[in-house]
């Protein structure tokens, strides 16, 4: 009885961590986008950390590296499907680490999906607000993008270390 209760609480804690992480990422992403729109002028660079990090407000209707220019509606559909897939997979995550990674993924995907659904030029075709720029002609990005890239790195590193996706290291079979 105690083991069953502990397992349920553990699962509940993992789901809570998943949702808390996702909501935190979404809140920070949307707040910083609001701040960028209110504080920055489109296309005008403002140094944040010298030339290492600059703030440049741009409205992006494609994916990274301008892939898919002009077909924002496809990214809205893909983001919606990704959101549903992450939500479906969340209860299967067996560790707090995977739950936090899942929350980062959900927060990042939903953060950019909110833009695609609510910003001009219209529903499903909205432009994503990007404003963080680093040198070497790297694409300008936002907090949601950082969360998505962080999850990609975490997943690759954990899988390379022998941990199965979403599983506890002791259950890799």
N, C-alpha and C. Protein backbone atom coordinates (compact mmCIF):
# COMPACT_ATOMS: atom_id res chain seq x y z
N UNK A 1 0.82 -1.20 0.00
CA UNK A 1 0.00 0.00 0.00
C UNK A 1 0.86 1.26 0.00
N UNK A 2 1.88 1.28 0.84
CA UNK A 2 2.74 2.45 0.91
C UNK A 2 3.50 2.64 -0.40
N UNK A 3 3.96 1.54 -1.01
CA UNK A 3 4.69 1.61 -2.28
C UNK A 3 3.80 2.16 -3.38
N UNK A 4 2.55 1.72 -3.44
CA UNK A 4 1.61 2.22 -4.44
C UNK A 4 1.38 3.71 -4.24
N UNK A 5 1.19 4.14 -3.01
CA UNK A 5 0.97 5.55 -2.70
C UNK A 5 2.20 6.38 -3.08
N UNK A 6 3.39 5.88 -2.75
CA UNK A 6 4.63 6.59 -3.09
C UNK A 6 4.78 6.72 -4.60
N UNK A 7 4.42 5.66 -5.33
CA UNK A 7 4.52 5.70 -6.79
C UNK A 7 3.56 6.73 -7.35
N UNK A 8 2.32 6.76 -6.84
CA UNK A 8 1.36 7.75 -7.31
C UNK A 8 1.84 9.16 -7.01
N UNK A 9 2.35 9.38 -5.80
CA UNK A 9 2.85 10.70 -5.45
C UNK A 9 4.03 11.08 -6.31
N UNK A 10 4.89 10.11 -6.59
CA UNK A 10 6.05 10.36 -7.42
C UNK A 10 5.61 10.75 -8.83
N UNK A 11 4.64 10.03 -9.37
CA UNK A 11 4.12 10.36 -10.70
C UNK A 11 3.47 11.75 -10.68
N UNK A 12 2.73 12.01 -9.62
CA UNK A 12 2.09 13.32 -9.48
C UNK A 12 3.14 14.43 -9.40
N UNK A 13 4.22 14.18 -8.67
CA UNK A 13 5.29 15.16 -8.55
C UNK A 13 5.97 15.40 -9.90
N UNK A 14 6.17 14.32 -10.66
CA UNK A 14 6.79 14.47 -11.98
C UNK A 14 5.90 15.28 -12.91
N UNK A 15 4.60 15.01 -12.89
CA UNK A 15 3.67 15.78 -13.72
C UNK A 15 3.61 17.24 -13.27
N UNK A 16 3.64 17.46 -11.97
CA UNK A 16 3.67 18.83 -11.46
C UNK A 16 4.93 19.56 -11.93
N UNK A 17 6.08 18.89 -11.84
CA UNK A 17 7.33 19.48 -12.32
C UNK A 17 7.29 19.77 -13.81
N UNK A 18 6.71 18.85 -14.57
CA UNK A 18 6.54 19.03 -16.01
C UNK A 18 5.72 20.29 -16.31
N UNK A 19 4.55 20.38 -15.67
CA UNK A 19 3.66 21.52 -15.93
C UNK A 19 4.23 22.83 -15.40
N UNK A 20 4.85 22.79 -14.22
CA UNK A 20 5.45 24.00 -13.66
C UNK A 20 6.56 24.53 -14.57
N UNK A 21 7.39 23.63 -15.06
CA UNK A 21 8.47 24.03 -15.97
C UNK A 21 7.88 24.64 -17.24
N UNK A 22 6.88 23.99 -17.82
CA UNK A 22 6.26 24.50 -19.05
C UNK A 22 5.66 25.89 -18.83
N UNK A 23 4.90 26.05 -17.74
CA UNK A 23 4.29 27.35 -17.47
C UNK A 23 5.34 28.43 -17.23
N UNK A 24 6.42 28.07 -16.55
CA UNK A 24 7.50 29.02 -16.30
C UNK A 24 8.12 29.49 -17.62
N UNK A 25 8.42 28.56 -18.51
CA UNK A 25 9.01 28.91 -19.81
C UNK A 25 8.05 29.78 -20.61
N UNK A 26 6.78 29.40 -20.65
CA UNK A 26 5.79 30.19 -21.40
C UNK A 26 5.68 31.60 -20.83
N UNK A 27 5.63 31.72 -19.51
CA UNK A 27 5.50 33.05 -18.87
C UNK A 27 6.71 33.92 -19.17
N UNK A 28 7.91 33.37 -19.00
CA UNK A 28 9.12 34.16 -19.27
C UNK A 28 9.20 34.52 -20.75
N UNK A 29 8.88 33.56 -21.62
CA UNK A 29 8.91 33.82 -23.06
C UNK A 29 7.95 34.94 -23.44
N UNK A 30 6.72 34.85 -23.00
CA UNK A 30 5.73 35.87 -23.38
C UNK A 30 6.04 37.22 -22.74
N UNK A 31 6.52 37.22 -21.50
CA UNK A 31 6.89 38.48 -20.86
C UNK A 31 8.04 39.16 -21.61
N UNK A 32 9.08 38.39 -21.96
CA UNK A 32 10.23 38.99 -22.65
C UNK A 32 9.85 39.45 -24.05
N UNK A 33 8.94 38.76 -24.70
CA UNK A 33 8.48 39.22 -26.03
C UNK A 33 7.70 40.52 -25.89
N UNK A 34 6.84 40.59 -24.89
CA UNK A 34 6.10 41.83 -24.63
C UNK A 34 7.08 42.97 -24.36
N UNK A 35 8.08 42.69 -23.52
CA UNK A 35 9.09 43.70 -23.20
C UNK A 35 9.82 44.14 -24.47
N UNK A 36 10.21 43.19 -25.31
CA UNK A 36 10.95 43.51 -26.53
C UNK A 36 10.12 44.40 -27.45
N UNK A 37 8.86 44.09 -27.61
CA UNK A 37 7.99 44.89 -28.48
C UNK A 37 7.85 46.31 -27.94
N UNK A 38 7.73 46.44 -26.63
CA UNK A 38 7.55 47.75 -26.01
C UNK A 38 8.84 48.56 -25.93
N UNK A 39 10.00 47.89 -25.89
CA UNK A 39 11.26 48.57 -25.60
C UNK A 39 12.23 48.69 -26.76
N UNK A 40 12.07 47.88 -27.77
CA UNK A 40 13.03 47.86 -28.88
C UNK A 40 12.37 48.35 -30.17
N UNK A 41 13.20 48.83 -31.07
CA UNK A 41 12.73 49.24 -32.39
C UNK A 41 13.12 48.16 -33.40
N UNK A 42 12.18 47.73 -34.25
CA UNK A 42 12.48 46.66 -35.20
C UNK A 42 13.75 46.93 -36.01
N UNK A 43 14.62 45.93 -36.03
CA UNK A 43 15.83 45.98 -36.83
C UNK A 43 16.97 46.80 -36.27
N UNK A 44 16.78 47.46 -35.13
CA UNK A 44 17.82 48.30 -34.53
C UNK A 44 18.49 47.53 -33.40
N UNK A 45 19.80 47.29 -33.55
CA UNK A 45 20.54 46.53 -32.54
C UNK A 45 20.84 47.38 -31.31
N UNK A 46 20.66 46.77 -30.16
CA UNK A 46 20.97 47.42 -28.89
C UNK A 46 21.89 46.47 -28.12
N UNK A 47 23.13 46.90 -27.81
CA UNK A 47 24.05 46.00 -27.10
C UNK A 47 23.51 45.63 -25.72
N UNK A 48 23.65 44.35 -25.37
CA UNK A 48 23.28 43.89 -24.03
C UNK A 48 24.53 43.50 -23.26
N UNK A 49 25.37 42.69 -23.89
CA UNK A 49 26.66 42.31 -23.32
C UNK A 49 27.70 42.63 -24.39
N UNK A 50 28.01 43.92 -24.51
CA UNK A 50 28.93 44.37 -25.55
C UNK A 50 28.46 43.90 -26.91
N UNK A 51 29.40 43.36 -27.70
CA UNK A 51 29.04 42.81 -29.01
C UNK A 51 28.72 41.32 -28.92
N UNK A 52 28.84 40.74 -27.74
CA UNK A 52 28.58 39.31 -27.57
C UNK A 52 27.09 38.98 -27.67
N UNK A 53 26.25 39.79 -27.03
CA UNK A 53 24.80 39.59 -27.09
C UNK A 53 24.16 40.95 -27.35
N UNK A 54 23.35 40.99 -28.40
CA UNK A 54 22.63 42.21 -28.75
C UNK A 54 21.14 41.91 -28.79
N UNK A 55 20.35 42.93 -28.60
CA UNK A 55 18.91 42.81 -28.71
C UNK A 55 18.47 43.46 -30.01
N UNK A 56 17.79 42.71 -30.85
CA UNK A 56 17.32 43.20 -32.15
C UNK A 56 15.91 42.63 -32.36
N UNK A 57 14.93 43.47 -32.37
CA UNK A 57 13.55 43.03 -32.55
C UNK A 57 13.29 42.70 -34.02
N UNK A 58 12.86 41.46 -34.25
CA UNK A 58 12.42 41.05 -35.59
C UNK A 58 11.16 40.22 -35.45
N UNK A 59 10.37 40.21 -36.49
CA UNK A 59 9.16 39.39 -36.55
C UNK A 59 9.41 38.30 -37.59
N UNK A 60 9.35 37.06 -37.16
CA UNK A 60 9.77 35.93 -37.96
C UNK A 60 8.56 35.11 -38.42
N UNK A 61 8.39 34.98 -39.73
CA UNK A 61 7.29 34.15 -40.23
C UNK A 61 7.79 32.83 -40.82
N UNK A 62 8.99 32.43 -40.38
CA UNK A 62 9.54 31.16 -40.83
C UNK A 62 10.13 30.44 -39.63
N UNK A 63 10.87 29.40 -39.89
CA UNK A 63 11.57 28.68 -38.81
C UNK A 63 13.01 29.17 -38.78
N UNK A 64 13.84 28.51 -37.99
CA UNK A 64 15.26 28.90 -37.89
C UNK A 64 15.91 28.91 -39.26
N UNK A 65 16.82 29.82 -39.45
CA UNK A 65 17.56 29.97 -40.71
C UNK A 65 16.64 30.29 -41.88
N UNK A 66 15.48 30.90 -41.59
CA UNK A 66 14.48 31.30 -42.59
C UNK A 66 13.94 30.13 -43.40
N UNK A 67 13.95 28.94 -42.81
CA UNK A 67 13.38 27.78 -43.48
C UNK A 67 11.86 27.92 -43.46
N UNK A 68 11.24 27.74 -44.61
CA UNK A 68 9.79 27.79 -44.69
C UNK A 68 9.21 29.19 -44.73
N UNK A 69 9.94 30.13 -45.28
CA UNK A 69 9.47 31.51 -45.38
C UNK A 69 8.10 31.55 -46.07
N UNK A 70 7.14 32.18 -45.41
CA UNK A 70 5.83 32.39 -46.00
C UNK A 70 4.84 31.26 -45.78
N UNK A 71 5.22 30.20 -45.08
CA UNK A 71 4.28 29.10 -44.83
C UNK A 71 4.10 28.90 -43.32
N UNK A 72 3.88 30.01 -42.64
CA UNK A 72 3.73 29.99 -41.19
C UNK A 72 2.63 29.05 -40.74
N UNK A 73 1.57 28.93 -41.50
CA UNK A 73 0.45 28.08 -41.11
C UNK A 73 0.89 26.63 -40.93
N UNK A 74 1.88 26.18 -41.70
CA UNK A 74 2.40 24.82 -41.54
C UNK A 74 3.08 24.68 -40.18
N UNK A 75 3.84 25.71 -39.76
CA UNK A 75 4.49 25.67 -38.45
C UNK A 75 3.46 25.70 -37.33
N UNK A 76 2.34 26.39 -37.54
CA UNK A 76 1.28 26.40 -36.53
C UNK A 76 0.69 24.99 -36.37
N UNK A 77 0.49 24.29 -37.47
CA UNK A 77 -0.04 22.93 -37.41
C UNK A 77 0.97 21.99 -36.77
N UNK A 78 2.22 22.08 -37.20
CA UNK A 78 3.27 21.21 -36.64
C UNK A 78 3.44 21.48 -35.14
N UNK A 79 3.40 22.75 -34.74
CA UNK A 79 3.53 23.09 -33.32
C UNK A 79 2.35 22.57 -32.51
N UNK A 80 1.16 22.62 -33.07
CA UNK A 80 -0.02 22.09 -32.39
C UNK A 80 0.12 20.57 -32.21
N UNK A 81 0.55 19.89 -33.26
CA UNK A 81 0.75 18.43 -33.16
C UNK A 81 1.86 18.09 -32.17
N UNK A 82 2.93 18.89 -32.16
CA UNK A 82 4.02 18.67 -31.21
C UNK A 82 3.54 18.87 -29.77
N UNK A 83 2.71 19.88 -29.56
CA UNK A 83 2.15 20.14 -28.23
C UNK A 83 1.32 18.94 -27.76
N UNK A 84 0.48 18.43 -28.64
CA UNK A 84 -0.35 17.28 -28.29
C UNK A 84 0.51 16.04 -28.02
N UNK A 85 1.55 15.85 -28.81
CA UNK A 85 2.45 14.69 -28.61
C UNK A 85 3.18 14.79 -27.28
N UNK A 86 3.67 15.97 -26.94
CA UNK A 86 4.38 16.17 -25.67
C UNK A 86 3.42 15.92 -24.50
N UNK A 87 2.21 16.44 -24.59
CA UNK A 87 1.22 16.23 -23.53
C UNK A 87 0.86 14.74 -23.39
N UNK A 88 0.77 14.03 -24.50
CA UNK A 88 0.47 12.60 -24.47
C UNK A 88 1.61 11.82 -23.82
N UNK A 89 2.85 12.22 -24.10
CA UNK A 89 4.03 11.50 -23.62
C UNK A 89 4.37 11.85 -22.17
N UNK A 90 3.95 12.99 -21.67
CA UNK A 90 4.32 13.47 -20.34
C UNK A 90 4.05 12.47 -19.22
N UNK A 91 2.89 11.83 -19.15
CA UNK A 91 2.66 10.89 -18.05
C UNK A 91 3.58 9.67 -18.09
N UNK A 92 4.22 9.41 -19.21
CA UNK A 92 5.10 8.26 -19.35
C UNK A 92 6.54 8.57 -18.90
N UNK A 93 6.84 9.84 -18.62
CA UNK A 93 8.19 10.22 -18.20
C UNK A 93 8.46 9.67 -16.80
N UNK A 94 9.57 8.97 -16.65
CA UNK A 94 9.82 8.23 -15.41
C UNK A 94 10.72 8.92 -14.40
N UNK A 95 11.33 10.04 -14.78
CA UNK A 95 12.22 10.73 -13.84
C UNK A 95 11.89 12.22 -13.82
N UNK A 96 12.32 12.87 -12.76
CA UNK A 96 12.14 14.32 -12.66
C UNK A 96 12.92 15.01 -13.78
N UNK A 97 14.10 14.51 -14.07
CA UNK A 97 14.92 15.10 -15.14
C UNK A 97 14.21 15.08 -16.48
N UNK A 98 13.64 13.93 -16.84
CA UNK A 98 12.90 13.86 -18.09
C UNK A 98 11.65 14.73 -18.03
N UNK A 99 11.01 14.83 -16.87
CA UNK A 99 9.82 15.66 -16.73
C UNK A 99 10.15 17.14 -16.93
N UNK A 100 11.27 17.57 -16.38
CA UNK A 100 11.70 18.97 -16.59
C UNK A 100 12.04 19.20 -18.07
N UNK A 101 12.72 18.24 -18.68
CA UNK A 101 13.04 18.36 -20.11
C UNK A 101 11.75 18.43 -20.93
N UNK A 102 10.77 17.59 -20.59
CA UNK A 102 9.48 17.64 -21.28
C UNK A 102 8.79 18.98 -21.08
N UNK A 103 8.87 19.53 -19.88
CA UNK A 103 8.29 20.84 -19.61
C UNK A 103 8.98 21.94 -20.41
N UNK A 104 10.29 21.85 -20.53
CA UNK A 104 11.03 22.82 -21.36
C UNK A 104 10.56 22.73 -22.82
N UNK A 105 10.41 21.50 -23.31
CA UNK A 105 9.95 21.31 -24.69
C UNK A 105 8.56 21.89 -24.89
N UNK A 106 7.65 21.54 -23.97
CA UNK A 106 6.28 22.05 -24.09
C UNK A 106 6.25 23.57 -24.01
N UNK A 107 6.97 24.13 -23.05
CA UNK A 107 7.01 25.59 -22.91
C UNK A 107 7.55 26.28 -24.15
N UNK A 108 8.61 25.73 -24.73
CA UNK A 108 9.18 26.32 -25.93
C UNK A 108 8.24 26.25 -27.12
N UNK A 109 7.65 25.08 -27.33
CA UNK A 109 6.74 24.91 -28.47
C UNK A 109 5.51 25.80 -28.30
N UNK A 110 4.93 25.81 -27.11
CA UNK A 110 3.72 26.60 -26.89
C UNK A 110 4.03 28.10 -26.93
N UNK A 111 5.21 28.50 -26.43
CA UNK A 111 5.58 29.92 -26.48
C UNK A 111 5.56 30.47 -27.90
N UNK A 112 6.13 29.73 -28.83
CA UNK A 112 6.12 30.18 -30.23
C UNK A 112 4.76 29.95 -30.88
N UNK A 113 4.03 28.91 -30.45
CA UNK A 113 2.69 28.67 -31.00
C UNK A 113 1.75 29.82 -30.63
N UNK A 114 1.87 30.34 -29.44
CA UNK A 114 1.04 31.49 -29.04
C UNK A 114 1.23 32.63 -30.03
N UNK A 115 2.48 32.90 -30.40
CA UNK A 115 2.74 33.96 -31.38
C UNK A 115 2.06 33.65 -32.72
N UNK A 116 2.21 32.41 -33.17
CA UNK A 116 1.64 32.04 -34.48
C UNK A 116 0.11 32.12 -34.49
N UNK A 117 -0.50 31.95 -33.32
CA UNK A 117 -1.96 31.99 -33.25
C UNK A 117 -2.52 33.37 -32.94
N UNK A 118 -1.73 34.26 -32.33
CA UNK A 118 -2.29 35.52 -31.86
C UNK A 118 -1.70 36.78 -32.49
N UNK A 119 -0.59 36.70 -33.13
CA UNK A 119 0.05 37.91 -33.64
C UNK A 119 -0.30 38.14 -35.12
N UNK A 120 -0.12 39.38 -35.58
CA UNK A 120 -0.37 39.69 -36.99
C UNK A 120 0.54 38.85 -37.89
N UNK A 121 0.11 38.50 -39.06
CA UNK A 121 -1.08 39.02 -39.75
C UNK A 121 -2.39 38.33 -39.41
N UNK A 122 -2.38 37.25 -38.62
CA UNK A 122 -3.64 36.63 -38.25
C UNK A 122 -3.47 35.23 -37.71
N UNK A 123 -4.58 34.65 -37.28
CA UNK A 123 -4.61 33.34 -36.65
C UNK A 123 -3.94 32.29 -37.53
N UNK A 124 -2.97 31.59 -36.93
CA UNK A 124 -2.26 30.54 -37.64
C UNK A 124 -1.15 31.03 -38.54
N UNK A 125 -1.07 32.33 -38.72
CA UNK A 125 -0.06 32.91 -39.60
C UNK A 125 0.75 34.00 -38.91
N UNK A 126 0.58 34.10 -37.59
CA UNK A 126 1.27 35.15 -36.83
C UNK A 126 2.78 35.00 -36.87
N UNK A 127 3.43 36.12 -36.78
CA UNK A 127 4.89 36.14 -36.80
C UNK A 127 5.43 35.99 -35.37
N UNK A 128 6.45 35.17 -35.23
CA UNK A 128 7.09 34.95 -33.94
C UNK A 128 8.01 36.12 -33.62
N UNK A 129 7.96 36.59 -32.39
CA UNK A 129 8.81 37.69 -31.94
C UNK A 129 10.17 37.13 -31.53
N UNK A 130 11.22 37.55 -32.21
CA UNK A 130 12.60 37.18 -31.89
C UNK A 130 13.35 38.46 -31.54
N UNK A 131 14.33 38.36 -30.63
CA UNK A 131 15.01 39.59 -30.22
C UNK A 131 16.41 39.38 -29.65
N UNK A 132 16.89 38.16 -29.50
CA UNK A 132 18.22 37.92 -28.95
C UNK A 132 19.16 37.57 -30.10
N UNK A 133 20.25 38.30 -30.19
CA UNK A 133 21.19 38.12 -31.29
C UNK A 133 22.60 37.91 -30.75
N UNK A 134 23.28 36.92 -31.30
CA UNK A 134 24.69 36.70 -30.98
C UNK A 134 25.47 36.78 -32.29
N UNK A 135 26.79 36.97 -32.22
CA UNK A 135 27.56 37.19 -33.45
C UNK A 135 27.61 35.95 -34.35
N UNK A 136 28.31 36.08 -35.44
CA UNK A 136 28.54 35.02 -36.42
C UNK A 136 27.30 34.73 -37.26
N UNK A 137 26.45 35.71 -37.45
CA UNK A 137 25.25 35.58 -38.26
C UNK A 137 24.33 34.45 -37.81
N UNK A 138 24.35 34.16 -36.53
CA UNK A 138 23.44 33.17 -35.96
C UNK A 138 22.04 33.75 -36.01
N UNK A 139 21.01 32.93 -36.22
CA UNK A 139 19.65 33.48 -36.28
C UNK A 139 19.27 34.19 -34.97
N UNK A 140 18.47 35.21 -35.10
CA UNK A 140 17.94 35.90 -33.93
C UNK A 140 16.88 34.98 -33.32
N UNK A 141 16.83 34.90 -32.00
CA UNK A 141 15.98 33.93 -31.34
C UNK A 141 15.30 34.52 -30.12
N UNK A 142 14.55 33.69 -29.39
CA UNK A 142 13.82 34.12 -28.20
C UNK A 142 13.94 33.06 -27.11
N UNK A 143 13.28 33.27 -25.98
CA UNK A 143 13.35 32.34 -24.85
C UNK A 143 12.78 30.98 -25.22
N UNK A 144 11.69 30.94 -25.96
CA UNK A 144 11.10 29.66 -26.38
C UNK A 144 12.11 28.86 -27.22
N UNK A 145 12.79 29.54 -28.12
CA UNK A 145 13.81 28.87 -28.93
C UNK A 145 14.93 28.30 -28.06
N UNK A 146 15.34 29.07 -27.04
CA UNK A 146 16.39 28.58 -26.13
C UNK A 146 15.93 27.32 -25.41
N UNK A 147 14.67 27.27 -25.02
CA UNK A 147 14.15 26.08 -24.33
C UNK A 147 14.16 24.88 -25.26
N UNK A 148 13.74 25.07 -26.50
CA UNK A 148 13.70 23.97 -27.47
C UNK A 148 15.10 23.44 -27.76
N UNK A 149 16.05 24.33 -27.96
CA UNK A 149 17.42 23.91 -28.23
C UNK A 149 18.02 23.22 -27.00
N UNK A 150 17.73 23.75 -25.82
CA UNK A 150 18.23 23.12 -24.59
C UNK A 150 17.73 21.68 -24.47
N UNK A 151 16.46 21.47 -24.76
CA UNK A 151 15.90 20.12 -24.70
C UNK A 151 16.58 19.21 -25.72
N UNK A 152 16.81 19.71 -26.91
CA UNK A 152 17.48 18.90 -27.93
C UNK A 152 18.86 18.45 -27.43
N UNK A 153 19.60 19.36 -26.81
CA UNK A 153 20.93 19.02 -26.28
C UNK A 153 20.80 18.01 -25.14
N UNK A 154 19.86 18.24 -24.23
CA UNK A 154 19.66 17.33 -23.09
C UNK A 154 19.31 15.93 -23.59
N UNK A 155 18.39 15.84 -24.53
CA UNK A 155 17.98 14.53 -25.05
C UNK A 155 19.15 13.81 -25.70
N UNK A 156 19.89 14.50 -26.52
CA UNK A 156 21.04 13.87 -27.18
C UNK A 156 22.06 13.38 -26.15
N UNK A 157 22.39 14.23 -25.18
CA UNK A 157 23.38 13.85 -24.17
C UNK A 157 22.90 12.67 -23.33
N UNK A 158 21.64 12.69 -22.93
CA UNK A 158 21.12 11.58 -22.10
C UNK A 158 21.06 10.29 -22.89
N UNK A 159 20.65 10.35 -24.12
CA UNK A 159 20.59 9.13 -24.94
C UNK A 159 22.00 8.62 -25.23
N UNK A 160 22.93 9.53 -25.50
CA UNK A 160 24.33 9.12 -25.73
C UNK A 160 24.94 8.49 -24.48
N UNK A 161 24.44 8.88 -23.30
CA UNK A 161 24.96 8.31 -22.06
C UNK A 161 24.30 6.97 -21.73
N UNK A 162 23.37 6.54 -22.58
CA UNK A 162 22.76 5.24 -22.40
C UNK A 162 21.39 5.23 -21.76
N UNK A 163 20.81 6.39 -21.51
CA UNK A 163 19.49 6.46 -20.90
C UNK A 163 18.43 6.52 -22.01
N UNK A 164 17.48 5.61 -21.96
CA UNK A 164 16.42 5.59 -22.96
C UNK A 164 15.51 6.80 -22.77
N UNK A 165 14.96 7.29 -23.87
CA UNK A 165 14.10 8.47 -23.85
C UNK A 165 12.96 8.30 -22.86
N UNK A 166 12.91 9.19 -21.87
CA UNK A 166 11.84 9.22 -20.89
C UNK A 166 11.95 8.19 -19.78
N UNK A 167 12.96 7.34 -19.84
CA UNK A 167 13.08 6.24 -18.89
C UNK A 167 14.06 6.55 -17.78
N UNK A 168 13.90 5.84 -16.69
CA UNK A 168 14.87 5.87 -15.59
C UNK A 168 16.10 5.10 -16.05
N UNK A 169 17.30 5.54 -15.67
CA UNK A 169 18.51 4.82 -16.11
C UNK A 169 18.48 3.33 -15.76
N UNK A 170 17.74 2.95 -14.75
CA UNK A 170 17.68 1.54 -14.37
C UNK A 170 16.70 0.74 -15.23
N UNK A 171 15.93 1.41 -16.09
CA UNK A 171 14.94 0.74 -16.93
C UNK A 171 15.21 0.99 -18.40
N UNK A 172 16.40 0.84 -18.84
CA UNK A 172 16.76 1.13 -20.22
C UNK A 172 16.38 0.05 -21.21
N UNK A 173 15.77 -1.01 -20.77
CA UNK A 173 15.42 -2.09 -21.68
C UNK A 173 14.07 -1.84 -22.30
